[in-house]
Protein backbone atom coordinates (compact mmCIF):
# COMPACT_ATOMS: atom_id res chain seq x y z
CA UNK A 1 -18.78 8.97 16.52
CA UNK A 2 -18.21 5.85 15.47
CA UNK A 3 -16.63 7.14 12.67
CA UNK A 4 -14.41 9.30 13.89
CA UNK A 5 -12.90 5.76 15.95
CA UNK A 6 -12.88 4.17 12.84
CA UNK A 7 -10.63 6.59 10.97
CA UNK A 8 -8.55 6.84 13.76
CA UNK A 9 -8.31 3.07 14.42
CA UNK A 10 -7.68 2.87 10.46
CA UNK A 11 -4.98 5.97 10.38
CA UNK A 12 -2.99 4.26 13.67
CA UNK A 13 -3.09 1.08 11.76
CA UNK A 14 -1.96 2.21 8.37
CA UNK A 15 0.19 4.03 10.00
CA UNK A 16 2.30 0.88 11.91
CA UNK A 17 1.93 -1.31 8.87
CA UNK A 18 4.00 1.28 6.79
CA UNK A 19 6.79 1.45 8.72
CA UNK A 20 6.70 -2.27 8.99
CA UNK A 21 6.53 -2.09 5.41
CA UNK A 22 10.06 -0.20 5.74
CA UNK A 23 12.29 -2.70 6.41
CA UNK A 24 9.76 -5.78 4.80
CA UNK A 25 9.99 -5.63 1.08
CA UNK A 26 6.29 -7.10 1.04
CA UNK A 27 4.53 -4.17 1.79
CA UNK A 28 4.68 -0.85 0.58
CA UNK A 29 6.16 1.12 2.90
CA UNK A 30 6.13 4.63 2.36
CA UNK A 31 2.56 4.99 0.58
CA UNK A 32 1.27 3.33 3.33
CA UNK A 33 2.31 6.14 5.73
CA UNK A 34 1.36 8.70 2.97
CA UNK A 35 -2.66 7.14 3.28
CA UNK A 36 -2.39 7.07 7.18
CA UNK A 37 -0.95 10.70 7.30
CA UNK A 38 -3.79 11.86 4.92
CA UNK A 39 -6.23 9.81 7.36
CA UNK A 40 -4.52 10.87 10.57
CA UNK A 41 -4.24 14.50 9.13
CA UNK A 42 -7.81 15.04 9.78
CA UNK A 43 -7.70 14.68 13.33
CA UNK A 44 -3.86 15.86 14.54
CA UNK A 45 -2.32 18.89 13.77
CA UNK A 46 0.91 16.92 14.28
CA UNK A 47 0.21 14.94 11.11
CA UNK A 48 -1.05 17.86 9.04
CA UNK A 49 2.01 19.31 9.50
CA UNK A 50 3.90 16.42 8.07
CA UNK A 51 1.66 16.39 5.63
CA UNK A 52 2.34 19.75 4.46
CA UNK A 53 6.29 19.06 3.93
CA UNK A 54 5.06 16.21 2.01
CA UNK A 55 2.68 17.95 0.16
CA UNK A 56 5.36 20.58 -0.81
CA UNK A 57 8.09 17.62 -2.29
CA UNK A 58 4.83 16.54 -3.85
CA UNK A 59 2.63 18.78 -5.17
CA UNK A 60 0.46 16.69 -7.60
CA UNK A 61 -1.33 14.63 -4.85
CA UNK A 62 -1.83 18.16 -2.87
CA UNK A 63 -5.41 17.92 -5.31
CA UNK A 64 -6.43 14.48 -4.31
CA UNK A 65 -5.93 15.35 -0.36
CA UNK A 66 -7.78 18.54 -0.28
CA UNK A 67 -10.64 16.41 -2.24
CA UNK A 68 -10.39 14.00 0.76
CA UNK A 69 -10.26 16.01 3.08
CA UNK A 70 -13.56 18.45 1.93
CA UNK A 71 -15.52 15.30 2.13
CA UNK A 72 -14.15 14.23 5.91
CA UNK A 73 -14.22 17.52 7.36
CA UNK A 74 -15.37 18.29 10.75
CA UNK A 75 -18.56 20.49 11.28
CA UNK A 76 -17.31 23.67 12.85
CA UNK A 77 -20.11 25.05 15.39
CA UNK A 78 -21.33 28.58 14.87
């Protein structure tokens, strides 16, 4: 439970910093937003859809994201 909350908080924080980084030259906005969507896609369907769109545009990152999601996948109940 704590890990889930921490991932959600980190995802939202990175998404916010990414949005700010789009306007400030100090922060890498797009990179932070991609990382945030990767984290949030574990929990939220809208983030998975956005990541799917990005992965079609940038297929080289798909393998890395799939490895990340496999490690942090929610357990399914039988």
